Amino acid sequence: HTLTERIDVNRGGPANPLSADELATKFRLNTES
């Protein structure tokens, strides 16, 4: 079998934004030490 996935729009931009919760999670994980 052959499977394909195409991604035309990146996460994090205006057309596919990170949510407030995702931004908060990123900050929390970045600073957890």
All heavy atoms as atom14 arrays in JSON, in Angstrom:
{
  "sequence": "HTLTERIDVNRGGPANPLSADELATKFRLNTES",
  "atom14_mask": [
    [1, 1, 1, 1, 1, 1, 1, 1, 1, 1, 0, 0, 0, 0],
    [1, 1, 1, 1, 1, 1, 1, 0, 0, 0, 0, 0, 0, 0],
    [1, 1, 1, 1, 1, 1, 1, 1, 0, 0, 0, 0, 0, 0],
    [1, 1, 1, 1, 1, 1, 1, 0, 0, 0, 0, 0, 0, 0],
    [1, 1, 1, 1, 1, 1, 1, 1, 1, 0, 0, 0, 0, 0],
    [1, 1, 1, 1, 1, 1, 1, 1, 1, 1, 1, 0, 0, 0],
    [1, 1, 1, 1, 1, 1, 1, 1, 0, 0, 0, 0, 0, 0],
    [1, 1, 1, 1, 1, 1, 1, 1, 0, 0, 0, 0, 0, 0],
    [1, 1, 1, 1, 1, 1, 1, 0, 0, 0, 0, 0, 0, 0],
    [1, 1, 1, 1, 1, 1, 1, 1, 0, 0, 0, 0, 0, 0],
    [1, 1, 1, 1, 1, 1, 1, 1, 1, 1, 1, 0, 0, 0],
    [1, 1, 1, 1, 0, 0, 0, 0, 0, 0, 0, 0, 0, 0],
    [1, 1, 1, 1, 0, 0, 0, 0, 0, 0, 0, 0, 0, 0],
    [1, 1, 1, 1, 1, 1, 1, 0, 0, 0, 0, 0, 0, 0],
    [1, 1, 1, 1, 1, 0, 0, 0, 0, 0, 0, 0, 0, 0],
    [1, 1, 1, 1, 1, 1, 1, 1, 0, 0, 0, 0, 0, 0],
    [1, 1, 1, 1, 1, 1, 1, 0, 0, 0, 0, 0, 0, 0],
    [1, 1, 1, 1, 1, 1, 1, 1, 0, 0, 0, 0, 0, 0],
    [1, 1, 1, 1, 1, 1, 0, 0, 0, 0, 0, 0, 0, 0],
    [1, 1, 1, 1, 1, 0, 0, 0, 0, 0, 0, 0, 0, 0],
    [1, 1, 1, 1, 1, 1, 1, 1, 0, 0, 0, 0, 0, 0],
    [1, 1, 1, 1, 1, 1, 1, 1, 1, 0, 0, 0, 0, 0],
    [1, 1, 1, 1, 1, 1, 1, 1, 0, 0, 0, 0, 0, 0],
    [1, 1, 1, 1, 1, 0, 0, 0, 0, 0, 0, 0, 0, 0],
    [1, 1, 1, 1, 1, 1, 1, 0, 0, 0, 0, 0, 0, 0],
    [1, 1, 1, 1, 1, 1, 1, 1, 1, 0, 0, 0, 0, 0],
    [1, 1, 1, 1, 1, 1, 1, 1, 1, 1, 1, 0, 0, 0],
    [1, 1, 1, 1, 1, 1, 1, 1, 1, 1, 1, 0, 0, 0],
    [1, 1, 1, 1, 1, 1, 1, 1, 0, 0, 0, 0, 0, 0],
    [1, 1, 1, 1, 1, 1, 1, 1, 0, 0, 0, 0, 0, 0],
    [1, 1, 1, 1, 1, 1, 1, 0, 0, 0, 0, 0, 0, 0],
    [1, 1, 1, 1, 1, 1, 1, 1, 1, 0, 0, 0, 0, 0],
    [1, 1, 1, 1, 1, 1, 0, 0, 0, 0, 0, 0, 0, 0]
  ],
  "atom14_positions": [
    [[0.84, -1.2, 0.0], [0.0, 0.0, 0.0], [0.88, 1.26, 0.0], [2.02, 1.26, 0.49], [-0.93, 0.02, 1.21], [-2.07, -0.94, 1.12], [-1.98, -2.25, 1.52], [-3.34, -0.78, 0.65], [-3.14, -2.86, 1.32], [-3.98, -1.98, 0.78], [0.0, 0.0, 0.0], [0.0, 0.0, 0.0], [0.0, 0.0, 0.0], [0.0, 0.0, 0.0]],
    [[0.3, 2.35, -0.51], [0.95, 3.65, -0.5], [-0.02, 4.67, 0.12], [-1.18, 4.74, -0.3], [1.32, 4.11, -1.92], [2.25, 3.17, -2.47], [1.96, 5.48, -1.91], [0.0, 0.0, 0.0], [0.0, 0.0, 0.0], [0.0, 0.0, 0.0], [0.0, 0.0, 0.0], [0.0, 0.0, 0.0], [0.0, 0.0, 0.0], [0.0, 0.0, 0.0]],
    [[0.46, 5.41, 1.08], [-0.37, 6.42, 1.75], [0.32, 7.77, 1.63], [1.55, 7.88, 1.77], [-0.55, 6.08, 3.23], [-1.26, 4.75, 3.56], [-1.27, 4.52, 5.07], [-2.67, 4.76, 3.01], [0.0, 0.0, 0.0], [0.0, 0.0, 0.0], [0.0, 0.0, 0.0], [0.0, 0.0, 0.0], [0.0, 0.0, 0.0], [0.0, 0.0, 0.0]],
    [[-0.5, 8.8, 1.38], [0.05, 10.15, 1.18], [-0.7, 11.16, 2.04], [-1.93, 11.1, 2.15], [-0.06, 10.57, -0.3], [0.72, 9.67, -1.1], [0.46, 11.98, -0.51], [0.0, 0.0, 0.0], [0.0, 0.0, 0.0], [0.0, 0.0, 0.0], [0.0, 0.0, 0.0], [0.0, 0.0, 0.0], [0.0, 0.0, 0.0], [0.0, 0.0, 0.0]],
    [[0.04, 12.07, 2.61], [-0.53, 13.2, 3.33], [0.12, 14.48, 2.81], [1.34, 14.58, 2.74], [-0.3, 13.09, 4.84], [-1.13, 12.04, 5.52], [-2.61, 12.39, 5.61], [-2.96, 13.56, 5.34], [-3.4, 11.49, 5.93], [0.0, 0.0, 0.0], [0.0, 0.0, 0.0], [0.0, 0.0, 0.0], [0.0, 0.0, 0.0], [0.0, 0.0, 0.0]],
    [[-0.72, 15.43, 2.42], [-0.22, 16.72, 1.92], [-0.65, 17.83, 2.87], [-1.82, 17.91, 3.26], [-0.75, 17.0, 0.52], [-0.24, 18.3, -0.1], [-0.73, 18.49, -1.52], [-0.06, 17.61, -2.45], [1.12, 17.89, -3.02], [1.77, 19.0, -2.69], [1.64, 17.04, -3.88], [0.0, 0.0, 0.0], [0.0, 0.0, 0.0], [0.0, 0.0, 0.0]],
    [[0.3, 18.68, 3.24], [0.04, 19.81, 4.13], [0.36, 21.09, 3.36], [1.53, 21.35, 3.03], [0.9, 19.75, 5.41], [0.69, 18.42, 6.14], [0.59, 20.94, 6.31], [-0.68, 18.22, 6.73], [0.0, 0.0, 0.0], [0.0, 0.0, 0.0], [0.0, 0.0, 0.0], [0.0, 0.0, 0.0], [0.0, 0.0, 0.0], [0.0, 0.0, 0.0]],
    [[-0.66, 21.89, 3.06], [-0.46, 23.13, 2.32], [-0.4, 24.35, 3.22], [0.15, 25.39, 2.82], [-1.58, 23.32, 1.3], [-1.5, 22.34, 0.14], [-0.41, 21.77, -0.09], [-2.53, 22.13, -0.53], [0.0, 0.0, 0.0], [0.0, 0.0, 0.0], [0.0, 0.0, 0.0], [0.0, 0.0, 0.0], [0.0, 0.0, 0.0], [0.0, 0.0, 0.0]],
    [[-0.98, 24.27, 4.42], [-1.07, 25.43, 5.32], [-0.43, 25.06, 6.65], [-0.85, 24.1, 7.3], [-2.54, 25.85, 5.53], [-2.62, 27.02, 6.51], [-3.18, 26.23, 4.2], [0.0, 0.0, 0.0], [0.0, 0.0, 0.0], [0.0, 0.0, 0.0], [0.0, 0.0, 0.0], [0.0, 0.0, 0.0], [0.0, 0.0, 0.0], [0.0, 0.0, 0.0]],
    [[0.57, 25.84, 7.06], [1.28, 25.55, 8.31], [0.47, 25.91, 9.54], [-0.3, 26.88, 9.53], [2.59, 26.33, 8.36], [3.55, 25.95, 7.26], [3.64, 26.63, 6.26], [4.24, 24.85, 7.44], [0.0, 0.0, 0.0], [0.0, 0.0, 0.0], [0.0, 0.0, 0.0], [0.0, 0.0, 0.0], [0.0, 0.0, 0.0], [0.0, 0.0, 0.0]],
    [[0.67, 25.14, 10.6], [0.11, 25.5, 11.91], [0.8, 26.75, 12.43], [1.97, 26.98, 12.18], [0.33, 24.37, 12.92], [-0.48, 23.13, 12.68], [-0.14, 22.07, 13.73], [-0.65, 22.42, 15.05], [-0.25, 21.85, 16.18], [0.67, 20.9, 16.16], [-0.78, 22.19, 17.32], [0.0, 0.0, 0.0], [0.0, 0.0, 0.0], [0.0, 0.0, 0.0]],
    [[0.03, 27.56, 13.17], [0.6, 28.73, 13.84], [0.41, 30.04, 13.13], [0.71, 31.1, 13.7], [0.0, 0.0, 0.0], [0.0, 0.0, 0.0], [0.0, 0.0, 0.0], [0.0, 0.0, 0.0], [0.0, 0.0, 0.0], [0.0, 0.0, 0.0], [0.0, 0.0, 0.0], [0.0, 0.0, 0.0], [0.0, 0.0, 0.0], [0.0, 0.0, 0.0]],
    [[-0.09, 30.0, 11.88], [-0.32, 31.23, 11.13], [-1.78, 31.63, 11.14], [-2.63, 30.93, 11.73], [0.0, 0.0, 0.0], [0.0, 0.0, 0.0], [0.0, 0.0, 0.0], [0.0, 0.0, 0.0], [0.0, 0.0, 0.0], [0.0, 0.0, 0.0], [0.0, 0.0, 0.0], [0.0, 0.0, 0.0], [0.0, 0.0, 0.0], [0.0, 0.0, 0.0]],
    [[-2.12, 32.74, 10.51], [-3.51, 33.25, 10.54], [-4.53, 32.25, 10.02], [-5.67, 32.21, 10.51], [-3.45, 34.49, 9.64], [-2.02, 34.9, 9.65], [-1.22, 33.64, 9.76], [0.0, 0.0, 0.0], [0.0, 0.0, 0.0], [0.0, 0.0, 0.0], [0.0, 0.0, 0.0], [0.0, 0.0, 0.0], [0.0, 0.0, 0.0], [0.0, 0.0, 0.0]],
    [[-4.15, 31.42, 9.04], [-5.11, 30.46, 8.46], [-5.23, 29.18, 9.28], [-6.16, 28.4, 9.06], [-4.7, 30.12, 7.03], [0.0, 0.0, 0.0], [0.0, 0.0, 0.0], [0.0, 0.0, 0.0], [0.0, 0.0, 0.0], [0.0, 0.0, 0.0], [0.0, 0.0, 0.0], [0.0, 0.0, 0.0], [0.0, 0.0, 0.0], [0.0, 0.0, 0.0]],
    [[-4.32, 28.95, 10.2], [-4.35, 27.76, 11.04], [-3.66, 28.08, 12.37], [-2.62, 27.52, 12.69], [-3.64, 26.6, 10.33], [-3.81, 25.26, 11.04], [-4.63, 25.12, 11.94], [-3.02, 24.28, 10.64], [0.0, 0.0, 0.0], [0.0, 0.0, 0.0], [0.0, 0.0, 0.0], [0.0, 0.0, 0.0], [0.0, 0.0, 0.0], [0.0, 0.0, 0.0]],
    [[-4.23, 28.98, 13.15], [-3.53, 29.53, 14.32], [-3.42, 28.54, 15.48], [-4.23, 27.62, 15.61], [-4.39, 30.73, 14.71], [-5.76, 30.37, 14.24], [-5.56, 29.6, 12.96], [0.0, 0.0, 0.0], [0.0, 0.0, 0.0], [0.0, 0.0, 0.0], [0.0, 0.0, 0.0], [0.0, 0.0, 0.0], [0.0, 0.0, 0.0], [0.0, 0.0, 0.0]],
    [[-2.39, 28.77, 16.3], [-2.34, 28.08, 17.58], [-3.34, 28.76, 18.52], [-3.44, 29.98, 18.56], [-0.93, 28.17, 18.19], [0.2, 27.48, 17.43], [1.51, 27.6, 18.21], [-0.12, 26.01, 17.17], [0.0, 0.0, 0.0], [0.0, 0.0, 0.0], [0.0, 0.0, 0.0], [0.0, 0.0, 0.0], [0.0, 0.0, 0.0], [0.0, 0.0, 0.0]],
    [[-4.06, 27.97, 19.27], [-5.04, 28.51, 20.21], [-4.32, 29.13, 21.4], [-3.12, 28.93, 21.62], [-5.97, 27.41, 20.7], [-5.25, 26.48, 21.51], [0.0, 0.0, 0.0], [0.0, 0.0, 0.0], [0.0, 0.0, 0.0], [0.0, 0.0, 0.0], [0.0, 0.0, 0.0], [0.0, 0.0, 0.0], [0.0, 0.0, 0.0], [0.0, 0.0, 0.0]],
    [[-5.06, 29.89, 22.18], [-4.5, 30.47, 23.41], [-4.0, 29.37, 24.33], [-2.95, 29.51, 24.97], [-5.55, 31.32, 24.11], [0.0, 0.0, 0.0], [0.0, 0.0, 0.0], [0.0, 0.0, 0.0], [0.0, 0.0, 0.0], [0.0, 0.0, 0.0], [0.0, 0.0, 0.0], [0.0, 0.0, 0.0], [0.0, 0.0, 0.0], [0.0, 0.0, 0.0]],
    [[-4.71, 28.26, 24.4], [-4.29, 27.14, 25.24], [-2.99, 26.52, 24.72], [-2.12, 26.13, 25.5], [-5.38, 26.07, 25.3], [-6.55, 26.46, 26.19], [-6.39, 27.42, 26.98], [-7.62, 25.83, 26.07], [0.0, 0.0, 0.0], [0.0, 0.0, 0.0], [0.0, 0.0, 0.0], [0.0, 0.0, 0.0], [0.0, 0.0, 0.0], [0.0, 0.0, 0.0]],
    [[-2.86, 26.43, 23.4], [-1.63, 25.87, 22.83], [-0.43, 26.79, 23.08], [0.67, 26.32, 23.39], [-1.82, 25.62, 21.33], [-2.7, 24.42, 21.02], [-2.99, 24.28, 19.56], [-3.24, 25.3, 18.88], [-2.98, 23.13, 19.06], [0.0, 0.0, 0.0], [0.0, 0.0, 0.0], [0.0, 0.0, 0.0], [0.0, 0.0, 0.0], [0.0, 0.0, 0.0]],
    [[-0.64, 28.11, 22.97], [0.44, 29.04, 23.28], [0.82, 28.96, 24.75], [2.0, 29.02, 25.1], [0.03, 30.47, 22.91], [0.01, 30.8, 21.41], [-0.61, 32.17, 21.19], [1.41, 30.74, 20.83], [0.0, 0.0, 0.0], [0.0, 0.0, 0.0], [0.0, 0.0, 0.0], [0.0, 0.0, 0.0], [0.0, 0.0, 0.0], [0.0, 0.0, 0.0]],
    [[-0.19, 28.82, 25.62], [0.09, 28.69, 27.04], [0.83, 27.39, 27.34], [1.75, 27.36, 28.17], [-1.22, 28.75, 27.84], [0.0, 0.0, 0.0], [0.0, 0.0, 0.0], [0.0, 0.0, 0.0], [0.0, 0.0, 0.0], [0.0, 0.0, 0.0], [0.0, 0.0, 0.0], [0.0, 0.0, 0.0], [0.0, 0.0, 0.0], [0.0, 0.0, 0.0]],
    [[0.45, 26.32, 26.65], [1.14, 25.03, 26.83], [2.58, 25.14, 26.38], [3.5, 24.63, 27.04], [0.41, 23.93, 26.05], [-0.89, 23.77, 26.58], [1.16, 22.6, 26.14], [0.0, 0.0, 0.0], [0.0, 0.0, 0.0], [0.0, 0.0, 0.0], [0.0, 0.0, 0.0], [0.0, 0.0, 0.0], [0.0, 0.0, 0.0], [0.0, 0.0, 0.0]],
    [[2.8, 25.78, 25.26], [4.18, 25.96, 24.77], [5.01, 26.72, 25.79], [6.14, 26.31, 26.1], [4.15, 26.72, 23.44], [5.53, 27.01, 22.88], [5.47, 27.8, 21.56], [6.87, 28.19, 21.1], [6.85, 28.95, 19.83], [0.0, 0.0, 0.0], [0.0, 0.0, 0.0], [0.0, 0.0, 0.0], [0.0, 0.0, 0.0], [0.0, 0.0, 0.0]],
    [[4.49, 27.8, 26.35], [5.23, 28.57, 27.35], [5.49, 27.74, 28.59], [6.61, 27.72, 29.12], [4.47, 29.85, 27.71], [5.17, 30.67, 28.76], [6.27, 31.43, 28.43], [4.73, 30.65, 30.08], [6.94, 32.18, 29.41], [5.38, 31.39, 31.06], [6.48, 32.16, 30.72], [0.0, 0.0, 0.0], [0.0, 0.0, 0.0], [0.0, 0.0, 0.0]],
    [[4.48, 27.03, 29.06], [4.64, 26.22, 30.27], [5.7, 25.14, 30.08], [6.57, 24.94, 30.95], [3.3, 25.59, 30.67], [3.38, 24.65, 31.87], [2.02, 24.11, 32.25], [1.35, 23.44, 31.15], [1.64, 22.2, 30.74], [2.6, 21.5, 31.36], [0.98, 21.65, 29.75], [0.0, 0.0, 0.0], [0.0, 0.0, 0.0], [0.0, 0.0, 0.0]],
    [[5.67, 24.46, 28.96], [6.65, 23.4, 28.71], [8.05, 23.98, 28.52], [9.05, 23.38, 28.92], [6.25, 22.59, 27.48], [4.98, 21.75, 27.64], [4.6, 21.11, 26.3], [5.16, 20.68, 28.72], [0.0, 0.0, 0.0], [0.0, 0.0, 0.0], [0.0, 0.0, 0.0], [0.0, 0.0, 0.0], [0.0, 0.0, 0.0], [0.0, 0.0, 0.0]],
    [[8.14, 25.14, 27.9], [9.44, 25.79, 27.72], [10.08, 26.18, 29.03], [11.32, 26.23, 29.14], [9.28, 27.04, 26.85], [9.52, 26.78, 25.39], [10.25, 25.87, 25.01], [8.9, 27.58, 24.53], [0.0, 0.0, 0.0], [0.0, 0.0, 0.0], [0.0, 0.0, 0.0], [0.0, 0.0, 0.0], [0.0, 0.0, 0.0], [0.0, 0.0, 0.0]],
    [[9.26, 26.5, 30.03], [9.79, 27.05, 31.28], [9.7, 26.08, 32.45], [9.99, 26.46, 33.58], [9.02, 28.34, 31.66], [7.63, 28.04, 31.81], [9.17, 29.4, 30.58], [0.0, 0.0, 0.0], [0.0, 0.0, 0.0], [0.0, 0.0, 0.0], [0.0, 0.0, 0.0], [0.0, 0.0, 0.0], [0.0, 0.0, 0.0], [0.0, 0.0, 0.0]],
    [[9.33, 24.82, 32.19], [9.04, 23.93, 33.31], [10.25, 23.61, 34.17], [10.1, 23.19, 35.32], [8.39, 22.64, 32.81], [9.25, 21.8, 31.89], [8.51, 20.57, 31.4], [7.37, 20.34, 31.86], [9.04, 19.87, 30.52], [0.0, 0.0, 0.0], [0.0, 0.0, 0.0], [0.0, 0.0, 0.0], [0.0, 0.0, 0.0], [0.0, 0.0, 0.0]],
    [[11.47, 23.8, 33.68], [12.65, 23.52, 34.5], [12.88, 24.59, 35.55], [13.6, 24.36, 36.53], [13.89, 23.39, 33.62], [14.19, 24.62, 32.98], [0.0, 0.0, 0.0], [0.0, 0.0, 0.0], [0.0, 0.0, 0.0], [0.0, 0.0, 0.0], [0.0, 0.0, 0.0], [0.0, 0.0, 0.0], [0.0, 0.0, 0.0], [0.0, 0.0, 0.0]]
  ]
}
